[in-house]
């Protein structure tokens, strides 16, 4: 397994908290850096059914009118 996948800076989004906020009882002060682990979220079964399998239907709403290319 390649550890570069887990430590790759392109797999993360770094943001900064613009104001003091409390989420689920945890206070995050203004200026705190927030690291969003995109790689991990894309493989979390809480958000995706069978996350390690690519399923086109997970990314496309088939009920919308499609555009002909």
N, C-alpha and C. Protein backbone atom coordinates (compact mmCIF):
# COMPACT_ATOMS: atom_id res chain seq x y z
N UNK A 1 0.84 -1.18 0.00
CA UNK A 1 0.00 0.00 0.00
C UNK A 1 0.88 1.24 0.00
N UNK A 2 0.48 2.23 -0.74
CA UNK A 2 1.25 3.45 -0.87
C UNK A 2 0.78 4.48 0.16
N UNK A 3 1.65 4.89 1.06
CA UNK A 3 1.28 5.86 2.08
C UNK A 3 1.14 7.27 1.53
N UNK A 4 1.64 7.50 0.31
CA UNK A 4 1.50 8.81 -0.31
C UNK A 4 0.03 9.19 -0.46
N UNK A 5 -0.82 8.22 -0.69
CA UNK A 5 -2.25 8.48 -0.84
C UNK A 5 -2.81 9.14 0.41
N UNK A 6 -2.38 8.69 1.58
CA UNK A 6 -2.92 9.21 2.83
C UNK A 6 -2.31 10.56 3.22
N UNK A 7 -1.08 10.82 2.81
CA UNK A 7 -0.39 12.04 3.22
C UNK A 7 -0.33 13.09 2.11
N UNK A 8 -0.96 12.82 1.01
CA UNK A 8 -0.95 13.72 -0.12
C UNK A 8 -1.70 15.01 0.24
N UNK A 9 -1.08 16.17 0.09
CA UNK A 9 -1.77 17.43 0.45
C UNK A 9 -2.97 17.73 -0.43
N UNK A 10 -3.07 17.10 -1.59
CA UNK A 10 -4.21 17.34 -2.47
C UNK A 10 -5.45 16.58 -2.03
N UNK A 11 -5.32 15.70 -1.05
CA UNK A 11 -6.46 14.96 -0.52
C UNK A 11 -7.14 15.70 0.62
N UNK A 12 -6.72 16.90 0.89
CA UNK A 12 -7.26 17.66 2.02
C UNK A 12 -7.63 19.07 1.58
N UNK A 13 -8.56 19.64 2.30
CA UNK A 13 -8.92 21.05 2.11
C UNK A 13 -8.69 21.74 3.44
N UNK A 14 -7.82 22.71 3.45
CA UNK A 14 -7.54 23.46 4.68
C UNK A 14 -8.31 24.78 4.63
N UNK A 15 -9.12 25.00 5.63
CA UNK A 15 -9.90 26.23 5.75
C UNK A 15 -9.66 26.84 7.12
N UNK A 16 -10.03 28.09 7.28
CA UNK A 16 -9.90 28.77 8.56
C UNK A 16 -11.26 29.26 9.02
N UNK A 17 -11.53 29.06 10.29
CA UNK A 17 -12.80 29.47 10.88
C UNK A 17 -12.87 31.00 10.90
N UNK A 18 -13.92 31.57 10.31
CA UNK A 18 -14.04 33.03 10.19
C UNK A 18 -14.65 33.69 11.42
N UNK A 19 -15.29 32.89 12.28
CA UNK A 19 -15.89 33.43 13.50
C UNK A 19 -15.97 32.33 14.54
N UNK A 20 -16.12 32.69 15.78
CA UNK A 20 -16.32 31.69 16.83
C UNK A 20 -17.62 30.94 16.55
N UNK A 21 -17.60 29.63 16.70
CA UNK A 21 -18.79 28.82 16.44
C UNK A 21 -18.78 27.60 17.35
N UNK A 22 -19.95 27.14 17.73
CA UNK A 22 -20.07 25.93 18.54
C UNK A 22 -20.86 24.89 17.74
N UNK A 23 -20.26 23.72 17.56
CA UNK A 23 -20.89 22.62 16.82
C UNK A 23 -20.92 21.40 17.73
N UNK A 24 -22.10 20.87 17.96
CA UNK A 24 -22.27 19.69 18.84
C UNK A 24 -21.57 19.87 20.18
N UNK A 25 -21.65 21.08 20.73
CA UNK A 25 -21.07 21.33 22.04
C UNK A 25 -19.58 21.64 22.04
N UNK A 26 -18.95 21.63 20.88
CA UNK A 26 -17.51 21.93 20.77
C UNK A 26 -17.35 23.33 20.19
N UNK A 27 -16.65 24.19 20.92
CA UNK A 27 -16.44 25.56 20.46
C UNK A 27 -15.16 25.63 19.63
N UNK A 28 -15.29 26.21 18.44
CA UNK A 28 -14.15 26.40 17.54
C UNK A 28 -13.90 27.91 17.46
N UNK A 29 -12.75 28.37 17.96
CA UNK A 29 -12.48 29.81 17.95
C UNK A 29 -12.15 30.34 16.55
N UNK A 30 -12.42 31.61 16.36
CA UNK A 30 -12.09 32.28 15.11
C UNK A 30 -10.60 32.12 14.82
N UNK A 31 -10.25 31.85 13.55
CA UNK A 31 -8.86 31.71 13.16
C UNK A 31 -8.32 30.29 13.23
N UNK A 32 -9.10 29.37 13.79
CA UNK A 32 -8.66 27.97 13.89
C UNK A 32 -8.62 27.35 12.50
N UNK A 33 -7.54 26.60 12.19
CA UNK A 33 -7.47 25.91 10.90
C UNK A 33 -8.31 24.64 10.97
N UNK A 34 -9.09 24.41 9.93
CA UNK A 34 -9.97 23.25 9.83
C UNK A 34 -9.47 22.40 8.66
N UNK A 35 -9.10 21.18 8.94
CA UNK A 35 -8.59 20.26 7.92
C UNK A 35 -9.71 19.30 7.53
N UNK A 36 -10.14 19.35 6.27
CA UNK A 36 -11.21 18.49 5.79
C UNK A 36 -10.58 17.31 5.05
N UNK A 37 -10.66 16.09 5.60
CA UNK A 37 -10.01 14.92 4.99
C UNK A 37 -10.85 14.33 3.85
N UNK A 38 -10.68 14.86 2.65
CA UNK A 38 -11.47 14.47 1.49
C UNK A 38 -11.33 12.98 1.19
N UNK A 39 -10.12 12.47 1.24
CA UNK A 39 -9.88 11.05 0.94
C UNK A 39 -10.69 10.16 1.88
N UNK A 40 -10.65 10.46 3.16
CA UNK A 40 -11.37 9.66 4.14
C UNK A 40 -12.88 9.78 4.00
N UNK A 41 -13.37 10.98 3.71
CA UNK A 41 -14.81 11.18 3.55
C UNK A 41 -15.35 10.39 2.35
N UNK A 42 -14.54 10.28 1.31
CA UNK A 42 -14.97 9.55 0.11
C UNK A 42 -15.03 8.05 0.32
N UNK A 43 -14.50 7.58 1.43
CA UNK A 43 -14.49 6.15 1.72
C UNK A 43 -15.23 5.82 3.01
N UNK A 44 -16.07 6.73 3.45
CA UNK A 44 -16.80 6.56 4.70
C UNK A 44 -18.18 5.97 4.43
N UNK A 45 -18.46 4.82 5.04
CA UNK A 45 -19.74 4.14 4.83
C UNK A 45 -20.91 4.93 5.42
N UNK A 46 -20.63 5.92 6.25
CA UNK A 46 -21.70 6.77 6.78
C UNK A 46 -22.31 7.62 5.66
N UNK A 47 -21.50 7.96 4.65
CA UNK A 47 -21.96 8.81 3.56
C UNK A 47 -22.24 8.04 2.27
N UNK A 48 -21.53 6.92 2.05
CA UNK A 48 -21.63 6.20 0.78
C UNK A 48 -21.92 4.73 1.02
N UNK A 49 -22.85 4.18 0.28
CA UNK A 49 -23.09 2.75 0.33
C UNK A 49 -22.00 2.08 -0.50
N UNK A 50 -21.30 1.13 0.07
CA UNK A 50 -20.21 0.42 -0.61
C UNK A 50 -19.19 1.42 -1.19
N UNK A 51 -18.51 2.17 -0.34
CA UNK A 51 -17.68 3.29 -0.77
C UNK A 51 -16.45 2.94 -1.61
N UNK A 52 -16.00 1.71 -1.58
CA UNK A 52 -14.81 1.35 -2.35
C UNK A 52 -15.13 0.91 -3.77
N UNK A 53 -16.41 0.93 -4.14
CA UNK A 53 -16.84 0.56 -5.49
C UNK A 53 -17.35 1.81 -6.20
N UNK A 54 -16.84 2.07 -7.41
CA UNK A 54 -17.31 3.22 -8.17
C UNK A 54 -18.69 2.91 -8.75
N UNK A 55 -19.66 3.76 -8.42
CA UNK A 55 -21.02 3.62 -8.94
C UNK A 55 -21.42 4.97 -9.52
N UNK A 56 -21.60 5.02 -10.82
CA UNK A 56 -21.94 6.27 -11.48
C UNK A 56 -23.22 6.88 -10.91
N UNK A 57 -24.18 6.05 -10.54
CA UNK A 57 -25.45 6.56 -10.03
C UNK A 57 -25.29 7.33 -8.72
N UNK A 58 -24.17 7.17 -8.05
CA UNK A 58 -23.93 7.93 -6.82
C UNK A 58 -23.69 9.41 -7.11
N UNK A 59 -23.30 9.72 -8.34
CA UNK A 59 -22.92 11.08 -8.69
C UNK A 59 -23.86 11.76 -9.67
N UNK A 60 -24.90 11.05 -10.11
CA UNK A 60 -25.77 11.61 -11.14
C UNK A 60 -27.22 11.40 -10.75
N UNK A 61 -28.00 12.44 -10.86
CA UNK A 61 -29.43 12.34 -10.57
C UNK A 61 -30.16 12.03 -11.87
N UNK A 62 -30.56 10.79 -12.05
CA UNK A 62 -31.19 10.33 -13.28
C UNK A 62 -32.58 10.91 -13.50
N UNK A 63 -33.16 11.55 -12.48
CA UNK A 63 -34.50 12.12 -12.62
C UNK A 63 -34.48 13.48 -13.31
N UNK A 64 -33.30 14.10 -13.43
CA UNK A 64 -33.19 15.40 -14.09
C UNK A 64 -33.21 15.23 -15.60
N UNK A 65 -33.65 16.25 -16.31
CA UNK A 65 -33.59 16.21 -17.77
C UNK A 65 -32.13 16.30 -18.19
N UNK A 66 -31.71 15.39 -19.02
CA UNK A 66 -30.30 15.37 -19.42
C UNK A 66 -30.08 16.27 -20.63
N UNK A 67 -28.86 16.69 -20.79
CA UNK A 67 -28.46 17.51 -21.93
C UNK A 67 -27.79 16.59 -22.93
N UNK A 68 -28.18 16.69 -24.18
CA UNK A 68 -27.56 15.86 -25.22
C UNK A 68 -26.27 16.53 -25.64
N UNK A 69 -25.19 15.78 -25.63
CA UNK A 69 -23.88 16.33 -25.97
C UNK A 69 -23.73 16.37 -27.44
